[in-house]
Amino acid sequence: MSKEFFSAIKGRRSIYGISKDVTVSDEKILEIVNEAVKHTPSSFNSQSARVVVLLGEQHDKLWNLTEGTLREVVPAENFAPTAEKMAAFRSGYGTVLFFEDNTVIEGLQSQFAAYKDNFPIWSQQSSGMLQLVVWTALEAEGLGASLQHYNPLIDEKVANEWNLPASWKLIAQMPFGKVAAPANEKQFQPVEDRVKVFK
């Protein structure tokens, strides 16, 4: 069990070369997301995470929307690299959007005033755990993914396009698909410089 877990953790990488040619069913993808949302821990068991899964045309729509938004802020003469990124993400099969529900966080702040300043921090930590769980589970099914952050630029348009509650704050976007190009070799700092043990 331990070996399988760490094998999946090691295999999880930022994969930018992805395609729509997946062999994993939509049902399996949704099962991964549902299980991750259900079982990833959150402070005070707040369960503040919210997720939107975009597949097919809806996935393409997100990256068209994002590209259009970026064209408004990136000078035309410098836009080619951005357009390439958008095309790469759009070439994937789907995107997982990660949100946190501010209504839940604000409710906890009111209920537990002594921890008021901590709840937004703990919310971000829980979201990060959820992102890792989904990312690793997708990798375990042979899918490649990366984590993107085009918020807050696209927040309002995303909320309007998919009719999402105003309290849902967009945290990250995870395009995924069949691995079309492997990740580059990763460099690691010495673990002994990063971990201290005291007995």
C-alpha atoms as a PDB file:
ATOM      1  CA  MET A   1       0.000   0.000   0.000  1.00  0.00           C
ATOM      2  CA  SER A   2       2.722   2.465   0.996  1.00  0.00           C
ATOM      3  CA  LYS A   3       4.693   1.671  -2.169  1.00  0.00           C
ATOM      4  CA  GLU A   4       1.643   2.194  -4.410  1.00  0.00           C
ATOM      5  CA  PHE A   5       0.825   5.496  -2.713  1.00  0.00           C
ATOM      6  CA  PHE A   6       4.311   6.942  -3.122  1.00  0.00           C
ATOM      7  CA  SER A   7       4.557   5.614  -6.650  1.00  0.00           C
ATOM      8  CA  ALA A   8       1.502   7.708  -7.522  1.00  0.00           C
ATOM      9  CA  ILE A   9       2.894  10.710  -5.638  1.00  0.00           C
ATOM     10  CA  LYS A  10       6.183  10.467  -7.543  1.00  0.00           C
ATOM     11  CA  GLY A  11       4.367  10.037 -10.846  1.00  0.00           C
ATOM     12  CA  ARG A  12       2.295  13.174 -10.361  1.00  0.00           C
ATOM     13  CA  ARG A  13       3.947  15.892 -12.408  1.00  0.00           C
ATOM     14  CA  SER A  14       2.977  19.045 -14.284  1.00  0.00           C
ATOM     15  CA  ILE A  15       2.055  17.647 -17.690  1.00  0.00           C
ATOM     16  CA  TYR A  16       1.470  20.337 -20.309  1.00  0.00           C
ATOM     17  CA  GLY A  17       1.371  18.076 -23.374  1.00  0.00           C
ATOM     18  CA  ILE A  18      -2.125  16.601 -23.142  1.00  0.00           C
ATOM     19  CA  SER A  19      -4.715  15.388 -25.647  1.00  0.00           C
ATOM     20  CA  LYS A  20      -8.416  14.546 -25.806  1.00  0.00           C
ATOM     21  CA  ASP A  21      -7.710  10.901 -26.643  1.00  0.00           C
ATOM     22  CA  VAL A  22      -8.418   9.454 -23.187  1.00  0.00           C
ATOM     23  CA  THR A  23      -9.415   5.883 -22.379  1.00  0.00           C
ATOM     24  CA  VAL A  24     -10.699   6.692 -18.884  1.00  0.00           C
ATOM     25  CA  SER A  25     -14.498   6.982 -18.768  1.00  0.00           C
ATOM     26  CA  ASP A  26     -16.304  10.148 -17.699  1.00  0.00           C
ATOM     27  CA  GLU A  27     -17.843   8.090 -14.895  1.00  0.00           C
ATOM     28  CA  LYS A  28     -14.384   7.208 -13.563  1.00  0.00           C
ATOM     29  CA  ILE A  29     -13.245  10.827 -13.744  1.00  0.00           C
ATOM     30  CA  LEU A  30     -16.312  11.937 -11.788  1.00  0.00           C
ATOM     31  CA  GLU A  31     -15.788   9.124  -9.281  1.00  0.00           C
ATOM     32  CA  ILE A  32     -12.237  10.387  -8.663  1.00  0.00           C
ATOM     33  CA  VAL A  33     -13.433  13.934  -8.093  1.00  0.00           C
ATOM     34  CA  ASN A  34     -16.367  12.911  -5.900  1.00  0.00           C
ATOM     35  CA  GLU A  35     -14.238  10.642  -3.696  1.00  0.00           C
ATOM     36  CA  ALA A  36     -11.560  13.332  -3.390  1.00  0.00           C
ATOM     37  CA  VAL A  37     -14.071  16.018  -2.420  1.00  0.00           C
ATOM     38  CA  LYS A  38     -15.729  13.700   0.093  1.00  0.00           C
ATOM     39  CA  HIS A  39     -12.601  12.433   1.838  1.00  0.00           C
ATOM     40  CA  THR A  40     -10.036  15.272   1.691  1.00  0.00           C
ATOM     41  CA  PRO A  41      -9.761  16.823   5.170  1.00  0.00           C
ATOM     42  CA  SER A  42     -10.799  20.371   6.020  1.00  0.00           C
ATOM     43  CA  SER A  43     -10.483  22.459   9.168  1.00  0.00           C
ATOM     44  CA  PHE A  44     -13.347  21.903  11.628  1.00  0.00           C
ATOM     45  CA  ASN A  45     -14.682  19.463   9.005  1.00  0.00           C
ATOM     46  CA  SER A  46     -15.967  22.575   7.228  1.00  0.00           C
ATOM     47  CA  GLN A  47     -16.165  20.852   3.833  1.00  0.00           C
ATOM     48  CA  SER A  48     -15.860  24.266   2.159  1.00  0.00           C
ATOM     49  CA  ALA A  49     -14.442  22.909  -1.107  1.00  0.00           C
ATOM     50  CA  ARG A  50     -16.543  23.224  -4.236  1.00  0.00           C
ATOM     51  CA  VAL A  51     -15.581  21.728  -7.594  1.00  0.00           C
ATOM     52  CA  VAL A  52     -16.777  22.096 -11.174  1.00  0.00           C
ATOM     53  CA  VAL A  53     -15.790  19.475 -13.755  1.00  0.00           C
ATOM     54  CA  LEU A  54     -15.808  20.656 -17.354  1.00  0.00           C
ATOM     55  CA  LEU A  55     -15.672  18.049 -20.119  1.00  0.00           C
ATOM     56  CA  GLY A  56     -15.881  18.212 -23.900  1.00  0.00           C
ATOM     57  CA  GLU A  57     -17.223  21.482 -25.285  1.00  0.00           C
ATOM     58  CA  GLN A  58     -17.506  22.979 -21.798  1.00  0.00           C
ATOM     59  CA  HIS A  59     -13.767  22.424 -21.272  1.00  0.00           C
ATOM     60  CA  ASP A  60     -13.010  24.112 -24.602  1.00  0.00           C
ATOM     61  CA  LYS A  61     -15.321  26.980 -23.655  1.00  0.00           C
ATOM     62  CA  LEU A  62     -13.305  27.658 -20.491  1.00  0.00           C
ATOM     63  CA  TRP A  63     -10.031  28.048 -22.365  1.00  0.00           C
ATOM     64  CA  ASN A  64     -11.664  30.128 -25.103  1.00  0.00           C
ATOM     65  CA  LEU A  65     -13.064  32.368 -22.376  1.00  0.00           C
ATOM     66  CA  THR A  66      -9.667  32.555 -20.663  1.00  0.00           C
ATOM     67  CA  GLU A  67      -7.895  33.357 -23.920  1.00  0.00           C
ATOM     68  CA  GLY A  68     -10.402  36.110 -24.700  1.00  0.00           C
ATOM     69  CA  THR A  69      -9.917  37.596 -21.241  1.00  0.00           C
ATOM     70  CA  LEU A  70      -6.139  37.538 -21.552  1.00  0.00           C
ATOM     71  CA  ARG A  71      -6.297  39.238 -24.955  1.00  0.00           C
ATOM     72  CA  GLU A  72      -7.782  42.215 -23.143  1.00  0.00           C
ATOM     73  CA  VAL A  73      -4.725  42.607 -20.893  1.00  0.00           C
ATOM     74  CA  VAL A  74      -1.764  41.191 -22.836  1.00  0.00           C
ATOM     75  CA  PRO A  75      -0.420  43.341 -25.695  1.00  0.00           C
ATOM     76  CA  ALA A  76      -1.102  41.804 -29.111  1.00  0.00           C
ATOM     77  CA  GLU A  77       2.582  41.802 -30.057  1.00  0.00           C
ATOM     78  CA  ASN A  78       3.370  39.686 -26.977  1.00  0.00           C
ATOM     79  CA  PHE A  79       0.368  37.359 -27.146  1.00  0.00           C
ATOM     80  CA  ALA A  80       1.807  34.427 -29.146  1.00  0.00           C
ATOM     81  CA  PRO A  81       3.203  32.504 -26.118  1.00  0.00           C
ATOM     82  CA  THR A  82      -0.088  32.982 -24.264  1.00  0.00           C
ATOM     83  CA  ALA A  83      -2.044  31.735 -27.275  1.00  0.00           C
ATOM     84  CA  GLU A  84       0.173  28.621 -27.358  1.00  0.00           C
ATOM     85  CA  LYS A  85      -0.543  27.949 -23.690  1.00  0.00           C
ATOM     86  CA  MET A  86      -4.279  28.318 -24.209  1.00  0.00           C
ATOM     87  CA  ALA A  87      -4.145  25.943 -27.185  1.00  0.00           C
ATOM     88  CA  ALA A  88      -2.201  23.412 -25.111  1.00  0.00           C
ATOM     89  CA  PHE A  89      -4.763  23.491 -22.294  1.00  0.00           C
ATOM     90  CA  ARG A  90      -7.677  23.392 -24.752  1.00  0.00           C
ATOM     91  CA  SER A  91      -6.180  20.303 -26.410  1.00  0.00           C
ATOM     92  CA  GLY A  92      -6.862  18.380 -23.199  1.00  0.00           C
ATOM     93  CA  TYR A  93      -9.982  16.389 -22.390  1.00  0.00           C
ATOM     94  CA  GLY A  94     -11.316  18.293 -19.404  1.00  0.00           C
ATOM     95  CA  THR A  95     -10.669  20.770 -16.623  1.00  0.00           C
ATOM     96  CA  VAL A  96     -11.338  20.605 -12.903  1.00  0.00           C
ATOM     97  CA  LEU A  97     -12.126  23.990 -11.339  1.00  0.00           C
ATOM     98  CA  PHE A  98     -11.441  24.295  -7.612  1.00  0.00           C
ATOM     99  CA  PHE A  99     -13.394  26.742  -5.461  1.00  0.00           C
ATOM    100  CA  GLU A 100     -13.841  27.549  -1.794  1.00  0.00           C
ATOM    101  CA  ASP A 101     -17.257  28.608  -0.512  1.00  0.00           C
ATOM    102  CA  ASN A 102     -16.847  31.890   1.361  1.00  0.00           C
ATOM    103  CA  THR A 103     -20.238  31.461   3.034  1.00  0.00           C
ATOM    104  CA  VAL A 104     -18.871  28.456   4.922  1.00  0.00           C
ATOM    105  CA  ILE A 105     -15.666  30.251   5.870  1.00  0.00           C
ATOM    106  CA  GLU A 106     -17.495  33.383   7.036  1.00  0.00           C
ATOM    107  CA  GLY A 107     -19.877  31.218   9.069  1.00  0.00           C
ATOM    108  CA  LEU A 108     -16.955  29.633  10.892  1.00  0.00           C
ATOM    109  CA  GLN A 109     -15.403  33.049  11.481  1.00  0.00           C
ATOM    110  CA  SER A 110     -18.621  34.176  13.158  1.00  0.00           C
ATOM    111  CA  GLN A 111     -18.975  30.981  15.164  1.00  0.00           C
ATOM    112  CA  PHE A 112     -15.353  30.767  16.312  1.00  0.00           C
ATOM    113  CA  ALA A 113     -14.144  34.380  16.565  1.00  0.00           C
ATOM    114  CA  ALA A 114     -10.868  33.406  18.257  1.00  0.00           C
ATOM    115  CA  TYR A 115      -9.788  31.679  15.042  1.00  0.00           C
ATOM    116  CA  LYS A 116     -11.252  34.256  12.667  1.00  0.00           C
ATOM    117  CA  ASP A 117      -7.983  35.116  10.917  1.00  0.00           C
ATOM    118  CA  ASN A 118      -7.039  31.464  10.496  1.00  0.00           C
ATOM    119  CA  PHE A 119     -10.070  30.162   8.619  1.00  0.00           C
ATOM    120  CA  PRO A 120      -9.132  31.688   5.231  1.00  0.00           C
ATOM    121  CA  ILE A 121      -5.623  30.236   5.629  1.00  0.00           C
ATOM    122  CA  TRP A 122      -6.941  26.810   6.599  1.00  0.00           C
ATOM    123  CA  SER A 123      -9.355  26.975   3.671  1.00  0.00           C
ATOM    124  CA  GLN A 124      -6.459  27.458   1.251  1.00  0.00           C
ATOM    125  CA  GLN A 125      -4.554  24.599   2.860  1.00  0.00           C
ATOM    126  CA  SER A 126      -7.549  22.275   2.485  1.00  0.00           C
ATOM    127  CA  SER A 127      -7.964  23.324  -1.146  1.00  0.00           C
ATOM    128  CA  GLY A 128      -4.303  22.537  -1.776  1.00  0.00           C
ATOM    129  CA  MET A 129      -4.778  19.066  -0.318  1.00  0.00           C
ATOM    130  CA  LEU A 130      -7.820  18.493  -2.520  1.00  0.00           C
ATOM    131  CA  GLN A 131      -5.909  19.602  -5.602  1.00  0.00           C
ATOM    132  CA  LEU A 132      -3.116  17.148  -4.802  1.00  0.00           C
ATOM    133  CA  VAL A 133      -5.557  14.291  -4.218  1.00  0.00           C
ATOM    134  CA  VAL A 134      -7.355  14.867  -7.527  1.00  0.00           C
ATOM    135  CA  TRP A 135      -4.092  15.405  -9.406  1.00  0.00           C
ATOM    136  CA  THR A 136      -2.502  12.239  -8.007  1.00  0.00           C
ATOM    137  CA  ALA A 137      -5.638  10.165  -8.600  1.00  0.00           C
ATOM    138  CA  LEU A 138      -5.788  11.326 -12.224  1.00  0.00           C
ATOM    139  CA  GLU A 139      -2.119  10.354 -12.611  1.00  0.00           C
ATOM    140  CA  ALA A 140      -2.875   6.929 -11.156  1.00  0.00           C
ATOM    141  CA  GLU A 141      -5.399   6.465 -14.000  1.00  0.00           C
ATOM    142  CA  GLY A 142      -2.765   7.409 -16.575  1.00  0.00           C
ATOM    143  CA  LEU A 143      -3.930  10.990 -17.123  1.00  0.00           C
ATOM    144  CA  GLY A 144      -1.685  14.032 -17.197  1.00  0.00           C
ATOM    145  CA  ALA A 145      -2.602  17.351 -15.596  1.00  0.00           C
ATOM    146  CA  SER A 146      -1.220  20.697 -14.520  1.00  0.00           C
ATOM    147  CA  LEU A 147      -2.392  23.370 -12.119  1.00  0.00           C
ATOM    148  CA  GLN A 148      -3.186  26.845 -13.430  1.00  0.00           C
ATOM    149  CA  HIS A 149      -4.176  30.125 -11.776  1.00  0.00           C
ATOM    150  CA  TYR A 150      -5.911  32.567 -14.094  1.00  0.00           C
ATOM    151  CA  ASN A 151      -8.025  33.852 -11.244  1.00  0.00           C
ATOM    152  CA  PRO A 152      -9.064  36.529 -10.435  1.00  0.00           C
ATOM    153  CA  LEU A 153      -9.021  37.632 -14.098  1.00  0.00           C
ATOM    154  CA  ILE A 154     -11.583  35.029 -15.174  1.00  0.00           C
ATOM    155  CA  ASP A 155     -13.607  34.734 -11.953  1.00  0.00           C
ATOM    156  CA  GLU A 156     -16.624  36.794 -12.947  1.00  0.00           C
ATOM    157  CA  LYS A 157     -16.897  35.311 -16.443  1.00  0.00           C
ATOM    158  CA  VAL A 158     -16.623  31.760 -15.098  1.00  0.00           C
ATOM    159  CA  ALA A 159     -19.311  32.424 -12.494  1.00  0.00           C
ATOM    160  CA  ASN A 160     -21.622  33.924 -15.117  1.00  0.00           C
ATOM    161  CA  GLU A 161     -20.991  31.252 -17.761  1.00  0.00           C
ATOM    162  CA  TRP A 162     -21.773  28.338 -15.448  1.00  0.00           C
ATOM    163  CA  ASN A 163     -24.243  30.164 -13.184  1.00  0.00           C
ATOM    164  CA  LEU A 164     -22.222  29.609 -10.010  1.00  0.00           C
ATOM    165  CA  PRO A 165     -22.999  31.094  -6.589  1.00  0.00           C
ATOM    166  CA  ALA A 166     -21.336  34.418  -5.837  1.00  0.00           C
ATOM    167  CA  SER A 167     -19.890  32.929  -2.646  1.00  0.00           C
ATOM    168  CA  TRP A 168     -17.757  30.427  -4.592  1.00  0.00           C
ATOM    169  CA  LYS A 169     -14.211  31.788  -4.857  1.00  0.00           C
ATOM    170  CA  LEU A 170     -12.156  30.338  -7.708  1.00  0.00           C
ATOM    171  CA  ILE A 171      -8.819  28.991  -6.481  1.00  0.00           C
ATOM    172  CA  ALA A 172      -7.276  27.023  -9.382  1.00  0.00           C
ATOM    173  CA  GLN A 173      -7.856  25.341 -12.732  1.00  0.00           C
ATOM    174  CA  MET A 174      -6.585  21.838 -13.577  1.00  0.00           C
ATOM    175  CA  PRO A 175      -6.645  20.921 -17.289  1.00  0.00           C
ATOM    176  CA  PHE A 176      -6.120  17.207 -17.884  1.00  0.00           C
ATOM    177  CA  GLY A 177      -5.995  14.649 -20.659  1.00  0.00           C
ATOM    178  CA  LYS A 178      -4.004  11.829 -22.152  1.00  0.00           C
ATOM    179  CA  VAL A 179      -0.268  12.366 -21.738  1.00  0.00           C
ATOM    180  CA  ALA A 180       1.019  13.501 -25.127  1.00  0.00           C
ATOM    181  CA  ALA A 181       4.452  14.654 -23.941  1.00  0.00           C
ATOM    182  CA  PRO A 182       6.212  13.674 -20.695  1.00  0.00           C
ATOM    183  CA  ALA A 183       7.305  16.166 -18.061  1.00  0.00           C
ATOM    184  CA  ASN A 184      10.878  17.399 -18.048  1.00  0.00           C
ATOM    185  CA  GLU A 185      13.335  15.893 -15.606  1.00  0.00           C
ATOM    186  CA  LYS A 186      12.842  17.321 -12.130  1.00  0.00           C
ATOM    187  CA  GLN A 187      15.674  18.588  -9.950  1.00  0.00           C
ATOM    188  CA  PHE A 188      15.541  17.966  -6.203  1.00  0.00           C
ATOM    189  CA  GLN A 189      17.222  19.809  -3.374  1.00  0.00           C
ATOM    190  CA  PRO A 190      18.886  17.500  -0.837  1.00  0.00           C
ATOM    191  CA  VAL A 191      16.202  16.185   1.503  1.00  0.00           C
ATOM    192  CA  GLU A 192      18.611  16.395   4.452  1.00  0.00           C
ATOM    193  CA  ASP A 193      18.665  20.192   3.953  1.00  0.00           C
ATOM    194  CA  ARG A 194      14.887  20.294   4.192  1.00  0.00           C
ATOM    195  CA  VAL A 195      14.068  17.828   6.966  1.00  0.00           C
ATOM    196  CA  LYS A 196      15.328  17.854  10.541  1.00  0.00           C
ATOM    197  CA  VAL A 197      14.830  14.939  12.944  1.00  0.00           C
ATOM    198  CA  PHE A 198      15.158  15.146  16.715  1.00  0.00           C
ATOM    199  CA  LYS A 199      15.009  12.058  18.996  1.00  0.00           C
END
